Amino acid sequence: MKQVSQTHTLRRWELALLLGVALAALLGVWLDSSQSALADQVIRLHVLANSDSEGDQALKLEVRDSVLAAAEEYFQPGATRDETEAVLRDHLEELAAAGAEAVGAAGYDYPVTASLEENCWFPTKAYTDFALPAGEYTALRIVIGEGGGHNWWCVVFPPLCLGSVTESAAQTALSAGLSEDQISLITGEDEGYVVKFRAMELWEDFQHWISGQ
């Protein structure tokens, strides 16, 4: 009888473990889907400094400002994410030139490149009134020189980092086509979305760690 009881107990633990694994897998699929849907609505900005020296880090910010100012000239009010991506692809040379102009004005001769790349990994990043969870995004990448220094991240679509934008993050995101759920997620509108954001962050970080990237 004791052996039978132990067998039943073991089976209950096995069932509980299998159920837990299944629920975790379902949760992971849901979180992945939520992050991917959000990423499909966003174009990140990634500026890589030449190095971590004080001068190169200060230069990175000057290049950032110059590239953002140039990008503003090409953005059209009401443009979709795909339209914005197409415009950026058409003007990568001009954006790189704007960055190079800032480099030259500061007395450096580093080359500057601009590219639009898919599936770029970003950690969770919080800004003044919004945050984006970790995961893979399409990114406008500006590389200064060796690109070996600390990065600067922001968002070019929705245009949350452009100086001419006067609306709140929520209003800007809504105008760009993000859903109310997605806006609530990135702005932390209530505790439920804060919990979901944290779960998404942990899940994406875990997958990134598993992949060894």
Protein backbone atom coordinates (compact mmCIF):
# COMPACT_ATOMS: atom_id res chain seq x y z
CA MET A 1 0.00 0.00 0.00
CA LYS A 2 2.84 2.37 0.85
CA GLN A 3 4.42 1.83 -2.57
CA VAL A 4 1.09 2.48 -4.30
CA SER A 5 0.63 5.70 -2.32
CA GLN A 6 4.13 6.86 -3.25
CA THR A 7 3.41 6.09 -6.91
CA HIS A 8 0.20 8.13 -6.83
CA THR A 9 2.04 11.01 -5.14
CA LEU A 10 4.77 10.89 -7.77
CA ARG A 11 2.21 10.93 -10.56
CA ARG A 12 0.52 13.97 -9.04
CA TRP A 13 3.88 15.77 -8.94
CA GLU A 14 4.57 14.75 -12.53
CA LEU A 15 1.20 16.04 -13.65
CA ALA A 16 1.69 19.28 -11.73
CA LEU A 17 5.14 19.72 -13.29
CA LEU A 18 3.82 19.04 -16.80
CA LEU A 19 0.96 21.46 -16.23
CA GLY A 20 3.39 24.11 -15.02
CA VAL A 21 5.62 23.63 -18.08
CA ALA A 22 2.61 23.83 -20.39
CA LEU A 23 1.34 27.02 -18.76
CA ALA A 24 4.82 28.56 -18.92
CA ALA A 25 5.04 27.69 -22.62
CA LEU A 26 1.63 29.24 -23.31
CA LEU A 27 2.59 32.35 -21.36
CA GLY A 28 5.83 32.58 -23.31
CA VAL A 29 3.99 32.35 -26.63
CA TRP A 30 1.58 35.09 -25.53
CA LEU A 31 4.40 37.36 -24.35
CA ASP A 32 6.37 36.73 -27.55
CA SER A 33 3.32 37.61 -29.60
CA SER A 34 2.74 40.82 -27.64
CA GLN A 35 6.37 41.92 -28.00
CA SER A 36 6.46 41.10 -31.72
CA ALA A 37 3.23 42.99 -32.35
CA LEU A 38 4.65 46.03 -30.56
CA ALA A 39 7.99 45.75 -32.39
CA ASP A 40 6.14 45.71 -35.72
CA GLN A 41 4.84 49.19 -34.91
CA VAL A 42 8.19 50.68 -33.88
CA ILE A 43 11.48 51.79 -35.41
CA ARG A 44 14.23 52.26 -32.84
CA LEU A 45 17.22 54.60 -33.05
CA HIS A 46 20.61 53.21 -32.09
CA VAL A 47 23.66 55.50 -32.03
CA LEU A 48 27.00 53.81 -31.35
CA ALA A 49 29.90 55.95 -30.17
CA ASN A 50 33.44 55.36 -31.41
CA SER A 51 34.62 54.56 -27.89
CA ASP A 52 33.87 55.19 -24.23
CA SER A 53 36.26 58.12 -23.95
CA GLU A 54 34.72 61.31 -22.62
CA GLY A 55 35.21 63.07 -25.94
CA ASP A 56 33.68 60.27 -28.00
CA GLN A 57 30.69 59.98 -25.70
CA ALA A 58 30.04 63.73 -25.95
CA LEU A 59 30.43 63.48 -29.73
CA LYS A 60 27.82 60.70 -29.82
CA LEU A 61 25.21 63.11 -28.47
CA GLU A 62 26.12 65.77 -31.03
CA VAL A 63 25.77 63.21 -33.81
CA ARG A 64 22.44 62.10 -32.35
CA ASP A 65 21.10 65.65 -32.39
CA SER A 66 22.30 66.22 -35.95
CA VAL A 67 20.76 62.97 -37.24
CA LEU A 68 17.45 63.60 -35.49
CA ALA A 69 17.30 67.14 -36.90
CA ALA A 70 17.92 65.77 -40.40
CA ALA A 71 15.34 63.00 -39.94
CA GLU A 72 12.68 65.54 -38.97
CA GLU A 73 12.91 67.07 -42.45
CA TYR A 74 11.82 63.80 -44.04
CA PHE A 75 9.00 62.85 -41.69
CA GLN A 76 5.47 63.52 -42.87
CA PRO A 77 2.62 64.00 -40.37
CA GLY A 78 0.31 61.00 -40.40
CA ALA A 79 2.84 58.71 -42.13
CA THR A 80 2.59 55.04 -41.29
CA ARG A 81 5.39 52.95 -39.92
CA ASP A 82 6.05 51.34 -43.33
CA GLU A 83 6.03 54.73 -45.05
CA THR A 84 8.47 56.06 -42.48
CA GLU A 85 10.78 53.08 -42.96
CA ALA A 86 10.74 53.62 -46.73
CA VAL A 87 11.59 57.31 -46.28
CA LEU A 88 14.46 56.49 -43.94
CA ARG A 89 15.85 53.90 -46.39
CA ASP A 90 15.73 56.50 -49.15
CA HIS A 91 17.71 58.99 -47.06
CA LEU A 92 20.32 56.88 -45.28
CA GLU A 93 23.14 58.66 -47.08
CA GLU A 94 21.80 62.05 -46.02
CA LEU A 95 21.45 60.91 -42.41
CA ALA A 96 25.01 59.58 -42.40
CA ALA A 97 26.19 62.85 -43.92
CA ALA A 98 24.44 64.81 -41.18
CA GLY A 99 26.24 62.72 -38.58
CA ALA A 100 29.57 63.14 -40.38
CA GLU A 101 29.04 66.90 -40.49
CA ALA A 102 28.67 66.95 -36.69
CA VAL A 103 31.81 64.83 -36.35
CA GLY A 104 33.81 67.19 -38.56
CA ALA A 105 32.50 70.28 -36.78
CA ALA A 106 33.73 68.81 -33.50
CA GLY A 107 37.22 68.34 -34.93
CA TYR A 108 37.15 64.58 -35.49
CA ASP A 109 37.51 62.56 -38.69
CA TYR A 110 35.60 59.39 -37.82
CA PRO A 111 33.47 57.92 -40.57
CA VAL A 112 29.72 57.69 -39.91
CA THR A 113 27.41 55.04 -41.36
CA ALA A 114 23.62 54.82 -41.30
CA SER A 115 21.64 51.64 -41.90
CA LEU A 116 18.22 50.16 -41.23
CA GLU A 117 18.55 46.70 -39.71
CA GLU A 118 15.98 44.16 -38.65
CA ASN A 119 16.00 41.94 -35.57
CA CYS A 120 18.31 44.16 -33.52
CA TRP A 121 18.32 43.22 -29.86
CA PHE A 122 17.49 45.98 -27.37
CA PRO A 123 17.36 45.72 -23.59
CA THR A 124 14.47 47.29 -21.71
CA LYS A 125 14.80 51.05 -21.91
CA ALA A 126 12.85 53.64 -19.92
CA TYR A 127 12.43 57.24 -21.02
CA THR A 128 10.69 60.22 -19.43
CA ASP A 129 7.09 59.10 -19.93
CA PHE A 130 7.30 55.73 -21.65
CA ALA A 131 9.37 52.56 -21.78
CA LEU A 132 9.94 49.78 -24.29
CA PRO A 133 10.42 46.14 -23.27
CA ALA A 134 13.46 44.12 -24.22
CA GLY A 135 13.33 42.29 -27.52
CA GLU A 136 14.18 42.48 -31.20
CA TYR A 137 13.25 45.57 -33.20
CA THR A 138 13.96 47.19 -36.55
CA ALA A 139 16.51 49.93 -35.91
CA LEU A 140 18.05 52.92 -37.58
CA ARG A 141 21.69 52.34 -36.63
CA ILE A 142 24.18 55.20 -36.67
CA VAL A 143 27.76 53.99 -36.18
CA ILE A 144 30.52 56.47 -35.42
CA GLY A 145 34.05 55.30 -36.21
CA GLU A 146 34.72 51.91 -34.60
CA GLY A 147 31.30 51.83 -32.94
CA GLY A 148 32.93 50.44 -29.81
CA GLY A 149 31.46 52.77 -27.21
CA HIS A 150 28.28 52.85 -25.17
CA ASN A 151 25.09 53.26 -27.16
CA TRP A 152 22.29 55.79 -27.16
CA TRP A 153 18.80 54.42 -27.77
CA CYS A 154 15.51 56.04 -28.60
CA VAL A 155 12.61 55.78 -31.05
CA VAL A 156 12.15 57.41 -34.45
CA PHE A 157 8.72 55.87 -35.08
CA PRO A 158 6.47 56.74 -33.44
CA PRO A 159 8.49 60.00 -33.43
CA LEU A 160 8.89 60.00 -29.66
CA CYS A 161 12.42 61.42 -29.72
CA LEU A 162 12.03 64.18 -32.28
CA GLY A 163 12.35 67.66 -30.85
CA SER A 164 9.38 69.02 -32.79
CA VAL A 165 6.93 66.60 -31.16
CA THR A 166 4.83 68.42 -28.58
CA GLU A 167 2.24 65.76 -27.79
CA SER A 168 2.54 63.29 -24.94
CA ALA A 169 3.98 59.86 -25.62
CA ALA A 170 0.49 58.36 -25.46
CA GLN A 171 -0.96 60.85 -27.96
CA THR A 172 2.00 60.46 -30.32
CA ALA A 173 1.79 56.66 -30.19
CA LEU A 174 -1.97 56.73 -30.76
CA SER A 175 -1.53 58.98 -33.80
CA ALA A 176 1.05 56.52 -35.14
CA GLY A 177 -1.38 53.62 -35.02
CA LEU A 178 -0.47 51.81 -31.81
CA SER A 179 -3.39 50.13 -30.08
CA GLU A 180 -4.69 51.32 -26.73
CA ASP A 181 -3.34 48.12 -25.14
CA GLN A 182 0.13 48.77 -26.58
CA ILE A 183 0.06 52.38 -25.40
CA SER A 184 -1.01 51.29 -21.92
CA LEU A 185 1.86 48.79 -21.93
CA ILE A 186 4.61 51.28 -22.77
CA THR A 187 3.25 54.09 -20.58
CA GLY A 188 2.48 51.87 -17.56
CA GLU A 189 -1.08 53.15 -17.43
CA ASP A 190 -2.10 50.82 -14.62
CA GLU A 191 -0.71 48.07 -12.42
CA GLY A 192 -1.92 45.29 -14.70
CA TYR A 193 0.11 46.59 -17.61
CA VAL A 194 3.13 47.16 -15.36
CA VAL A 195 3.01 43.47 -14.42
CA LYS A 196 2.64 42.44 -18.06
CA PHE A 197 5.56 44.68 -19.04
CA ARG A 198 7.75 43.11 -16.37
CA ALA A 199 6.76 39.59 -17.42
CA MET A 200 7.54 40.42 -21.05
CA GLU A 201 10.88 41.93 -20.03
CA LEU A 202 11.89 38.84 -18.03
CA TRP A 203 10.77 36.45 -20.77
CA GLU A 204 12.65 38.28 -23.54
CA ASP A 205 15.79 38.55 -21.38
CA PHE A 206 15.55 34.82 -20.64
CA GLN A 207 15.27 33.94 -24.33
CA HIS A 208 18.19 36.23 -25.14
CA TRP A 209 20.26 34.51 -22.45
CA ILE A 210 19.29 31.03 -23.70
CA SER A 211 20.31 31.94 -27.23
CA GLY A 212 23.73 32.96 -25.92
CA GLN A 213 23.75 36.26 -27.80
